[in-house]
Protein backbone atom coordinates (compact mmCIF):
# COMPACT_ATOMS: atom_id res chain seq x y z
CA MET A 1 -284.02 -212.61 61.66
CA ALA A 2 -286.58 -209.59 61.23
CA PHE A 3 -284.88 -208.02 64.34
CA LEU A 4 -281.42 -208.12 63.23
CA VAL A 5 -282.28 -206.86 59.86
CA ALA A 6 -284.25 -203.76 61.14
CA GLY A 7 -281.25 -203.27 63.62
CA THR A 8 -278.88 -203.36 60.70
CA LEU A 9 -281.04 -201.14 58.47
CA ARG A 10 -281.37 -198.74 61.56
CA VAL A 11 -277.52 -198.28 61.77
CA ALA A 12 -277.08 -197.84 57.63
CA VAL A 13 -279.72 -195.15 57.79
CA GLN A 14 -277.85 -193.68 60.60
CA MET A 15 -274.59 -193.60 58.75
CA ALA A 16 -276.05 -192.47 55.45
CA ASP A 17 -277.49 -189.63 57.24
CA ILE A 18 -274.31 -188.55 58.98
CA ARG A 19 -272.59 -189.06 55.92
CA GLU A 20 -275.20 -186.89 53.53
CA SER A 21 -274.96 -184.12 56.67
CA LEU A 22 -271.03 -183.84 56.43
CA GLY A 23 -271.14 -184.01 52.31
CA ARG A 24 -273.95 -181.34 52.29
CA LYS A 25 -272.97 -178.93 54.76
CA GLY A 26 -269.78 -179.90 56.48
CA ARG A 27 -271.60 -180.53 59.78
CA TYR A 28 -272.77 -183.73 61.93
CA SER A 29 -276.29 -184.81 62.13
CA VAL A 30 -277.38 -184.71 65.91
CA LEU A 31 -280.79 -186.44 65.15
CA HIS A 32 -280.29 -189.59 67.20
CA PRO A 33 -279.47 -189.93 70.99
CA ARG A 34 -276.54 -188.75 73.02
CA VAL A 35 -274.79 -191.11 75.20
CA ALA A 36 -272.20 -190.44 77.87
CA LEU A 37 -269.97 -191.79 80.54
CA MET A 38 -268.42 -190.29 83.17
CA LEU A 39 -265.58 -191.92 85.06
CA SER A 40 -264.03 -190.29 88.09
CA SER A 41 -261.18 -191.53 90.32
CA PRO A 42 -261.41 -191.63 94.24
CA GLY A 43 -260.85 -188.49 95.82
CA VAL A 44 -262.59 -186.24 93.40
CA PRO A 45 -264.98 -183.92 95.29
CA ALA A 46 -268.72 -184.65 94.73
CA VAL A 47 -269.59 -181.21 93.93
CA THR A 48 -267.09 -181.41 90.91
CA ILE A 49 -268.82 -184.53 89.66
CA ALA A 50 -272.32 -182.82 90.18
CA ALA A 51 -270.97 -179.83 88.22
CA LEU A 52 -269.80 -181.86 85.66
CA GLU A 53 -272.89 -183.84 85.57
CA GLY A 54 -274.82 -180.60 84.96
CA VAL A 55 -272.45 -179.69 81.98
CA LEU A 56 -273.02 -182.83 80.55
CA ARG A 57 -277.17 -182.62 80.62
CA ALA A 58 -276.73 -178.80 79.35
CA LEU A 59 -274.90 -180.51 76.38
CA GLY A 60 -277.75 -182.42 75.71
CA PHE A 61 -276.47 -186.17 77.02
CA GLU A 62 -279.62 -187.14 78.66
CA SER A 63 -278.45 -190.99 78.48
CA LEU A 64 -275.44 -190.78 81.30
CA GLU A 65 -273.30 -193.57 82.86
CA GLN A 66 -271.41 -192.48 86.05
CA LYS A 67 -268.79 -194.43 87.96
CA VAL A 68 -266.19 -193.99 90.71
CA VAL A 69 -262.98 -196.28 90.03
CA PRO A 70 -259.42 -196.30 90.51
CA VAL A 71 -257.84 -194.76 87.53
CA GLN A 72 -256.08 -198.08 86.42
CA SER A 73 -259.55 -199.34 85.69
CA PHE A 74 -260.40 -196.57 83.16
CA SER A 75 -259.25 -198.67 80.59
CA GLU A 76 -261.39 -201.63 81.28
CA GLU A 77 -264.65 -199.36 81.77
CA LEU A 78 -263.99 -198.02 78.41
CA VAL A 79 -263.66 -201.30 76.64
CA GLN A 80 -267.07 -202.02 78.71
CA PHE A 81 -268.66 -198.91 77.47
CA ARG A 82 -267.90 -199.83 73.98
CA GLU A 83 -268.93 -203.33 73.80
CA GLN A 84 -272.20 -202.28 75.50
CA LEU A 85 -272.74 -199.70 72.80
CA ASP A 86 -271.98 -202.36 70.12
CA ALA A 87 -274.51 -204.92 71.56
CA GLN A 88 -277.37 -202.39 71.83
CA GLY A 89 -276.63 -201.45 68.09
CA ASP A 90 -279.07 -198.38 68.63
CA PRO A 91 -278.43 -194.99 66.54
CA ILE A 92 -276.20 -192.66 68.29
CA SER A 93 -275.69 -189.09 66.98
CA CYS A 94 -272.57 -188.50 69.66
CA THR A 95 -270.77 -189.69 72.60
CA LEU A 96 -268.95 -188.41 75.22
CA VAL A 97 -266.76 -189.47 77.72
CA ALA A 98 -265.55 -187.41 80.71
CA LEU A 99 -262.50 -188.69 82.60
CA VAL A 100 -261.63 -186.55 85.92
CA THR A 101 -258.93 -187.60 88.37
CA LEU A 102 -256.74 -185.80 90.68
CA ARG A 103 -253.85 -184.02 89.34
CA GLY A 104 -251.15 -186.23 88.00
CA GLN A 105 -252.74 -189.23 88.03
CA LEU A 106 -253.90 -189.67 84.31
CA ARG A 107 -250.39 -190.68 82.77
CA TRP A 108 -251.68 -191.93 79.02
CA PRO A 109 -254.89 -190.41 78.49
CA LEU A 110 -254.23 -190.34 74.40
CA LYS A 111 -254.45 -194.13 74.55
CA LEU A 112 -257.62 -194.08 76.61
CA ALA A 113 -259.17 -192.03 73.91
CA GLN A 114 -258.30 -194.62 71.35
CA GLU A 115 -260.48 -197.13 73.02
CA LEU A 116 -263.65 -196.45 71.29
CA ASN A 117 -262.22 -196.03 67.78
CA GLY A 118 -262.96 -199.95 67.41
CA CYS A 119 -266.73 -199.27 68.43
CA GLY A 120 -268.65 -199.97 64.93
CA VAL A 121 -271.87 -198.14 66.26
CA LEU A 122 -269.92 -195.11 66.65
CA TRP A 123 -268.00 -195.06 63.08
CA GLY A 124 -268.80 -191.61 61.32
CA CYS A 125 -269.87 -190.10 64.80
CA PRO A 126 -268.05 -187.89 66.85
CA LYS A 127 -266.52 -188.98 69.97
CA LEU A 128 -265.70 -186.50 72.67
CA PHE A 129 -263.42 -186.70 75.82
CA LEU A 130 -263.12 -184.33 78.53
CA LEU A 131 -259.90 -185.23 80.29
CA LEU A 132 -260.04 -182.78 83.59
CA SER A 133 -257.64 -182.92 86.40
CA ILE A 134 -258.32 -181.41 90.09
CA ALA A 135 -255.88 -180.74 93.06
CA PRO A 136 -256.90 -182.49 96.14
CA GLY A 137 -259.44 -180.54 98.15
CA VAL A 138 -260.39 -177.92 95.67
CA THR A 139 -263.80 -177.29 94.06
CA PRO A 140 -265.08 -175.64 90.98
CA GLU A 141 -265.48 -171.77 91.44
CA SER A 142 -266.81 -169.12 89.22
CA GLY A 143 -263.87 -168.53 87.08
CA SER A 144 -263.42 -172.73 86.30
CA PHE A 145 -263.57 -174.54 83.11
CA LEU A 146 -266.66 -176.02 84.39
CA HIS A 147 -268.23 -172.94 85.22
CA HIS A 148 -267.68 -171.25 81.76
CA LEU A 149 -268.50 -174.51 80.02
CA ALA A 150 -271.98 -174.48 81.70
CA GLU A 151 -272.68 -170.81 81.12
CA LEU A 152 -271.79 -170.71 77.66
CA CYS A 153 -274.32 -173.96 76.77
CA GLY A 154 -276.93 -172.41 78.25
CA HIS A 155 -276.23 -168.84 76.29
CA CYS A 156 -274.90 -170.04 73.32
CA PRO A 157 -276.81 -173.31 71.92
CA HIS A 158 -276.48 -172.60 68.13
CA TRP A 159 -272.88 -172.29 68.50
CA SER A 160 -270.51 -174.83 67.23
CA LEU A 161 -268.59 -176.85 69.93
CA LEU A 162 -265.32 -175.50 68.59
CA GLN A 163 -266.65 -171.94 68.89
CA LEU A 164 -267.89 -172.44 72.22
CA LEU A 165 -264.46 -174.03 73.57
CA THR A 166 -262.68 -171.40 72.12
CA GLU A 167 -264.81 -168.63 74.01
CA VAL A 168 -264.41 -170.85 76.82
CA PHE A 169 -260.46 -170.63 77.14
CA ARG A 170 -260.56 -167.18 76.58
CA ARG A 171 -262.63 -166.98 79.60
CA VAL A 172 -260.60 -169.66 81.78
CA THR A 173 -257.37 -167.70 81.07
CA GLU A 174 -258.88 -164.23 81.82
CA SER A 175 -259.93 -165.67 85.21
CA ALA A 176 -256.59 -167.18 85.86
CA GLY A 177 -254.89 -163.99 85.05
CA GLY A 178 -253.47 -165.27 81.70
CA THR A 179 -251.18 -167.67 83.35
CA PHE A 180 -252.95 -171.04 81.95
CA CYS A 181 -255.00 -172.33 79.02
CA PRO A 182 -256.97 -175.46 78.39
CA VAL A 183 -256.09 -177.11 74.93
CA LEU A 184 -257.96 -179.13 72.50
CA ARG A 185 -257.19 -181.63 70.45
CA SER A 186 -259.39 -182.54 67.17
CA SER A 187 -259.68 -184.82 64.23
CA LEU A 188 -263.35 -183.87 63.89
CA ARG A 189 -264.63 -183.62 59.95
CA GLY A 190 -267.27 -180.86 60.63
CA ALA A 191 -269.23 -178.52 62.76
CA LEU A 192 -270.71 -180.24 65.56
CA CYS A 193 -273.71 -178.03 67.31
CA LEU A 194 -275.18 -179.65 70.36
CA GLY A 195 -277.85 -177.18 70.95
CA ASN A 196 -281.39 -178.15 70.25
CA VAL A 197 -281.18 -177.36 66.40
CA GLN A 198 -280.56 -179.70 63.69
CA ALA A 199 -277.16 -179.22 62.00
CA TRP A 200 -278.82 -177.63 58.65
CA GLU A 201 -281.70 -175.49 59.79
CA SER A 202 -279.42 -172.51 60.16
CA GLU A 203 -276.14 -171.33 59.69
CA LEU A 204 -273.70 -171.22 62.24
CA ASP A 205 -273.94 -168.67 64.63
CA SER A 206 -271.39 -165.73 63.91
CA GLY A 207 -271.59 -164.29 67.41
CA LEU A 208 -268.08 -164.98 68.45
CA LYS A 209 -267.33 -161.69 69.46
CA ALA A 210 -263.94 -161.92 70.65
CA GLN A 211 -261.44 -162.10 67.48
CA TYR A 212 -257.79 -161.63 67.38
CA ASP A 213 -256.79 -158.05 65.89
CA LEU A 214 -254.57 -158.62 62.84
CA SER A 215 -254.09 -155.09 62.11
CA GLY A 216 -250.16 -155.31 62.85
CA VAL A 217 -247.26 -157.28 60.84
CA ARG A 218 -247.84 -160.74 59.84
CA VAL A 219 -244.80 -162.66 59.49
CA ALA A 220 -244.72 -166.18 58.02
CA LEU A 221 -241.64 -168.90 57.48
CA LEU A 222 -241.68 -171.75 55.55
CA LEU A 223 -239.15 -174.40 56.23
CA GLY A 224 -239.23 -177.38 53.45
CA MET A 225 -237.25 -180.20 52.19
CA ILE A 226 -237.32 -180.06 48.16
CA ARG A 227 -234.61 -182.92 47.58
CA GLY A 228 -235.99 -186.36 47.72
CA ARG A 229 -239.61 -185.16 47.96
CA PRO A 230 -241.35 -184.97 44.61
CA GLY A 231 -243.88 -182.77 45.15
CA ALA A 232 -242.65 -180.55 47.49
CA GLN A 233 -241.83 -177.53 45.46
CA CYS A 234 -245.39 -177.31 44.71
CA ASP A 235 -246.46 -177.25 48.22
CA MET A 236 -243.63 -174.58 48.50
CA GLU A 237 -244.95 -172.55 45.90
CA ALA A 238 -248.80 -172.73 46.67
CA LEU A 239 -248.32 -172.10 50.63
CA GLY A 240 -245.81 -169.13 49.97
CA SER A 241 -248.54 -167.80 47.39
CA LEU A 242 -251.32 -167.89 49.97
CA CYS A 243 -249.41 -166.42 52.74
CA GLN A 244 -248.33 -163.44 50.47
CA THR A 245 -251.69 -162.84 49.45
CA LEU A 246 -252.86 -163.23 53.03
CA GLY A 247 -250.47 -160.13 53.82
CA PHE A 248 -247.55 -162.44 55.61
CA GLU A 249 -244.05 -161.27 54.93
CA THR A 250 -242.86 -164.71 53.97
CA THR A 251 -239.52 -166.04 54.39
CA VAL A 252 -238.79 -169.65 52.53
CA ARG A 253 -235.81 -171.60 53.12
CA THR A 254 -235.47 -175.09 51.23
CA ASP A 255 -233.42 -178.02 52.24
CA PRO A 256 -232.12 -176.96 55.70
CA THR A 257 -229.99 -179.54 57.75
CA ALA A 258 -231.15 -180.31 61.14
CA GLN A 259 -228.82 -177.83 62.54
CA ALA A 260 -230.71 -175.13 59.91
CA PHE A 261 -233.93 -175.99 61.16
CA GLN A 262 -232.96 -174.57 64.30
CA GLU A 263 -230.89 -171.41 63.23
CA GLU A 264 -233.71 -170.27 60.97
CA LEU A 265 -236.31 -170.46 63.70
CA ALA A 266 -233.83 -168.63 66.02
CA LYS A 267 -233.43 -165.99 63.46
CA PHE A 268 -237.18 -165.71 62.89
CA GLN A 269 -237.68 -165.37 66.61
CA GLU A 270 -235.08 -162.50 66.50
CA GLN A 271 -237.08 -160.82 63.40
CA LEU A 272 -239.87 -160.83 65.42
CA THR A 273 -238.11 -159.64 68.66
CA THR A 274 -236.38 -156.56 66.80
CA CYS A 275 -239.81 -155.68 64.62
CA ARG A 276 -240.26 -152.12 64.84
CA ASP A 277 -244.04 -152.40 64.82
CA PRO A 278 -246.27 -154.62 66.61
CA VAL A 279 -246.56 -158.43 65.40
CA SER A 280 -250.32 -159.68 65.18
CA CYS A 281 -249.82 -163.13 63.64
CA ALA A 282 -247.31 -165.81 63.04
CA LEU A 283 -247.11 -168.48 60.70
CA VAL A 284 -244.26 -171.45 60.67
CA ALA A 285 -244.63 -174.27 58.36
CA LEU A 286 -242.37 -177.15 58.62
CA MET A 287 -242.25 -179.68 55.44
CA ALA A 288 -239.78 -182.66 55.43
CA HIS A 289 -239.33 -186.60 55.83
CA GLY A 290 -240.60 -187.73 59.30
CA GLY A 291 -238.95 -189.76 61.61
CA PRO A 292 -239.77 -191.77 64.72
CA GLN A 293 -241.54 -189.74 67.34
CA GLY A 294 -242.68 -186.96 64.87
CA ARG A 295 -239.23 -186.11 64.24
CA LEU A 296 -238.21 -184.28 61.40
CA LEU A 297 -235.13 -185.14 59.06
CA GLY A 298 -233.00 -182.55 57.92
CA ALA A 299 -230.88 -182.46 54.59
CA ASP A 300 -227.83 -183.94 56.50
CA GLY A 301 -230.13 -187.16 57.72
CA GLN A 302 -230.21 -185.68 61.11
CA GLU A 303 -233.00 -185.42 63.40
CA VAL A 304 -234.73 -182.51 64.78
CA GLN A 305 -237.83 -182.48 67.44
CA PRO A 306 -240.05 -179.84 65.85
CA GLU A 307 -242.41 -179.55 68.86
CA ALA A 308 -239.53 -178.55 71.19
CA LEU A 309 -238.55 -175.99 68.54
CA LEU A 310 -242.45 -174.31 68.24
CA LEU A 311 -242.51 -174.27 71.90
CA GLU A 312 -239.53 -172.21 72.18
CA LEU A 313 -240.96 -169.89 69.43
CA SER A 314 -244.16 -169.58 70.92
CA ARG A 315 -242.59 -168.12 74.12
CA CYS A 316 -241.42 -165.17 72.24
CA GLU A 317 -242.27 -161.84 73.94
CA ALA A 318 -243.35 -160.43 70.78
CA LEU A 319 -245.89 -163.10 70.31
CA GLN A 320 -247.61 -162.99 73.53
CA GLY A 321 -251.38 -162.67 73.17
CA CYS A 322 -250.90 -163.05 69.23
CA PRO A 323 -251.95 -166.21 67.42
CA LYS A 324 -249.49 -168.49 66.42
CA ILE A 325 -249.83 -171.13 63.58
CA PHE A 326 -247.78 -174.12 63.10
CA LEU A 327 -248.35 -176.22 59.95
CA LEU A 328 -246.43 -179.82 59.94
CA GLN A 329 -246.26 -181.59 56.74
CA ALA A 330 -244.43 -185.02 57.66
CA CYS A 331 -244.97 -188.19 58.30
CA ARG A 332 -245.36 -189.21 61.97
CA GLY A 333 -244.57 -192.73 61.61
CA GLY A 334 -245.07 -196.07 59.41
CA HIS A 335 -248.91 -196.82 59.96
CA ARG A 336 -250.94 -197.06 56.80
CA ASP A 337 -254.74 -196.60 57.73
CA LEU A 338 -256.81 -198.43 55.41
CA GLY A 339 -259.93 -196.76 57.31
CA VAL A 340 -263.19 -197.92 58.51
CA ALA A 341 -266.55 -198.40 56.55
CA THR A 342 -269.12 -196.24 57.73
CA THR A 343 -272.05 -198.48 57.25
CA VAL A 344 -272.43 -202.14 56.49
CA SER A 345 -270.90 -203.30 53.04
CA TRP A 346 -274.16 -204.94 51.71
CA PHE A 347 -276.35 -201.79 52.18
CA TRP A 348 -273.92 -199.85 50.15
CA ARG A 349 -272.84 -202.41 47.73
CA ARG A 350 -276.46 -201.64 46.26
CA LEU A 351 -275.38 -198.00 46.00
CA CYS A 352 -271.93 -198.16 44.84
CA SER A 353 -269.07 -200.28 44.07
CA ARG A 354 -267.64 -200.65 47.82
CA PRO A 355 -268.55 -199.05 50.91
CA PRO A 356 -267.24 -195.67 51.74
CA THR A 357 -264.56 -195.21 54.36
CA ILE A 358 -263.16 -192.93 56.60
CA PRO A 359 -259.58 -192.85 58.52
CA SER A 360 -259.86 -194.82 62.14
CA HIS A 361 -258.49 -191.67 63.55
CA ALA A 362 -261.46 -189.56 62.63
CA ASP A 363 -264.26 -187.67 64.40
CA VAL A 364 -262.56 -187.33 68.03
CA LEU A 365 -262.57 -184.40 70.05
CA GLN A 366 -260.23 -184.35 73.42
CA VAL A 367 -260.44 -181.30 75.59
CA TYR A 368 -257.46 -181.19 78.40
CA ALA A 369 -258.09 -178.75 81.20
CA ASP A 370 -257.94 -178.19 84.71
CA VAL A 371 -261.19 -178.07 86.77
CA GLN A 372 -260.01 -174.90 88.15
CA GLY A 373 -259.07 -173.08 85.06
CA SER A 374 -254.96 -174.33 85.07
CA SER A 375 -253.66 -176.36 82.43
CA PHE A 376 -254.11 -180.28 82.16
CA ARG A 377 -250.66 -181.72 83.08
CA GLY A 378 -250.82 -185.02 81.76
CA HIS A 379 -248.99 -186.69 78.80
CA PRO A 380 -250.14 -185.01 75.54
CA PRO A 381 -250.10 -181.59 74.21
CA ARG A 382 -246.95 -179.71 75.17
CA THR A 383 -248.87 -176.55 74.02
CA ALA A 384 -251.24 -177.02 77.06
CA ASP A 385 -249.42 -174.54 79.18
CA HIS A 386 -249.55 -171.79 76.15
CA ALA A 387 -252.33 -169.94 74.68
CA ASP A 388 -253.09 -168.59 71.09
CA ILE A 389 -251.46 -171.68 69.38
CA LEU A 390 -252.95 -173.47 66.18
CA MET A 391 -251.07 -176.37 65.34
CA VAL A 392 -251.82 -178.85 62.67
CA TYR A 393 -250.54 -182.14 61.55
CA SER A 394 -250.91 -183.62 58.51
CA ALA A 395 -251.30 -187.15 59.82
CA ALA A 396 -252.25 -188.62 62.80
CA GLU A 397 -249.68 -189.67 65.60
CA GLY A 398 -247.71 -192.61 64.01
CA CYS A 399 -249.25 -192.42 60.37
CA VAL A 400 -248.16 -191.58 57.04
CA ALA A 401 -248.67 -188.57 55.28
CA TYR A 402 -249.18 -188.80 51.67
CA ARG A 403 -247.85 -186.59 48.83
CA ASP A 404 -247.19 -187.03 45.07
CA ASP A 405 -245.69 -185.02 42.12
CA LYS A 406 -248.53 -182.30 42.56
CA GLY A 407 -248.10 -181.92 46.16
CA SER A 408 -249.27 -183.47 49.86
CA ASP A 409 -252.90 -183.65 50.01
CA PHE A 410 -252.74 -181.47 53.26
CA ILE A 411 -251.05 -178.66 52.12
CA GLN A 412 -252.81 -178.35 48.72
CA THR A 413 -256.14 -178.78 50.15
CA LEU A 414 -255.34 -176.00 52.90
CA VAL A 415 -254.23 -173.68 50.06
CA GLU A 416 -257.79 -174.30 48.58
CA VAL A 417 -259.70 -174.16 51.39
CA VAL A 418 -258.38 -170.95 53.25
CA GLY A 419 -257.85 -169.16 49.73
CA ALA A 420 -261.56 -169.70 49.05
CA ASP A 421 -262.93 -168.07 51.92
CA PRO A 422 -259.65 -166.57 54.37
CA GLY A 423 -262.80 -164.33 56.04
CA ARG A 424 -264.14 -167.54 57.85
CA ASP A 425 -262.80 -168.79 61.15
CA LEU A 426 -259.47 -170.62 60.83
CA LEU A 427 -260.39 -173.45 63.34
CA GLU A 428 -263.55 -173.94 61.51
CA LEU A 429 -261.42 -174.02 57.71
CA MET A 430 -258.83 -176.75 59.33
CA THR A 431 -261.55 -178.88 59.93
CA GLU A 432 -263.31 -178.40 56.67
CA VAL A 433 -259.71 -179.06 55.35
CA ASN A 434 -259.72 -182.14 57.46
CA ARG A 435 -262.91 -183.34 55.84
CA GLN A 436 -261.61 -183.06 52.65
CA VAL A 437 -258.44 -184.90 53.27
CA CYS A 438 -260.45 -187.90 54.87
CA GLU A 439 -262.53 -188.14 52.13
CA LEU A 440 -259.36 -188.88 49.92
CA ASP A 441 -258.57 -192.40 48.73
CA VAL A 442 -254.79 -192.55 48.26
CA LEU A 443 -252.75 -195.52 46.64
CA GLY A 444 -249.36 -195.68 48.16
CA PRO A 445 -246.17 -196.33 46.30
CA ASP A 446 -246.06 -199.92 47.54
CA SER A 447 -249.79 -200.74 47.87
CA ASP A 448 -252.54 -201.20 45.36
CA LYS A 449 -255.03 -200.57 48.36
CA PRO A 450 -256.40 -197.42 49.00
CA HIS A 451 -255.16 -195.80 52.45
CA LYS A 452 -256.55 -192.83 54.30
CA ALA A 453 -255.24 -189.98 56.10
CA CYS A 454 -256.56 -187.93 58.82
CA LEU A 455 -255.18 -184.52 60.25
CA GLU A 456 -254.55 -183.88 64.06
CA ILE A 457 -255.46 -180.01 65.16
CA ARG A 458 -254.31 -178.95 68.40
CA SER A 459 -255.74 -175.52 69.40
CA SER A 460 -255.32 -173.23 72.37
CA LEU A 461 -256.75 -170.46 70.36
CA ARG A 462 -258.73 -167.99 72.42
CA ARG A 463 -260.48 -165.93 69.95
CA SER A 464 -261.64 -166.26 66.38
CA LEU A 465 -259.10 -166.29 64.09
CA CYS A 466 -259.82 -164.81 60.59
CA LEU A 467 -256.79 -164.38 58.02
CA ARG A 468 -258.52 -162.03 55.36
CA ALA A 469 -255.74 -159.55 54.31
């Protein structure tokens, strides 16, 4: 009995420490051990597995389990890994799962990444996934993703992981002639530094030298449904004001039909192409009711696929090499997330009326890349073949995005956070926006129970992006 109480207290203390770290500094605590699992499919060269193992060691993952199994067994292995962690019950700072397959084998990586969401000992802890593909018979070379990742782990231990990956993306694309770029998919709520420093011992290293040049023209397009969406007008006004403060030439259109969404984006692209001065940054915000599979509903009730439109815009010649910011404020399904408790209930009942909760989709970072540097060609992000994109969704896939008469949680928090510190890296600012959104308890119109929301951030940025005018 004493053993069970001691184990429960250990987990409670760990969760309290993580919560305190995120609340005070917006950073994850790394005081406890880190565990990793590497699954590779048959046919992956041994030299690739050895190189990846070296990267995991450099990132501080001393506890490493490694298996070679068919891709069809990946899900089963992840379930066993989750059950093993829960059974041990030891405090964990971070977990990393590396999945390495021959190119084209891994079809549903997002579902695999969700396997660890139900692990109780990992609630509130960052869960990292490296989803890597490799061509048969190919081995990592000096310009590969793994090469640059290992090199930066050794040279820049004080960088946050998002800083580090951004620099890796830059080096990979330059090595590949600018053709391909990895992509990350994040619901992290804070900065994660895996170097041998504590999260609060020093400020984040600002040594990410490569920054986007924003000395040229900045343009923004805001397309939003106002009719039938209380608070949407507040979002449009707040975001429009922020864009103008940041020096964006801003176009605002309200209540577009599905066809008008396409037409306005086409006009915007033409504006970029015919602009006399060089364009240095573009921002597009789409705000509407969401339909199935992430589609948006126009004023005529017809659906439009926003990702296809934004992908087409990202190919605009005038935007090559320029950062492209896409904000999507819309539901992505009907699921209402009740969240998960970040610690055992009895421990927090002594301190507050109910245990704190976080969204069940939070604290996940997925990186999609080819071992040789070309893009991962599996199921998820369609932006994987295109660099310099930051796409932020107001809700996790399949979930409701919340809004009231004062505006949406996402847009209003974004305006406040970015407006307060526009000189800070935008990817880090969006992570802070997510932290604040995740802390909110929302009462939906058809429920008296509090619900949670979580952003999804996709990035193929290759440099630090600071929007100060």
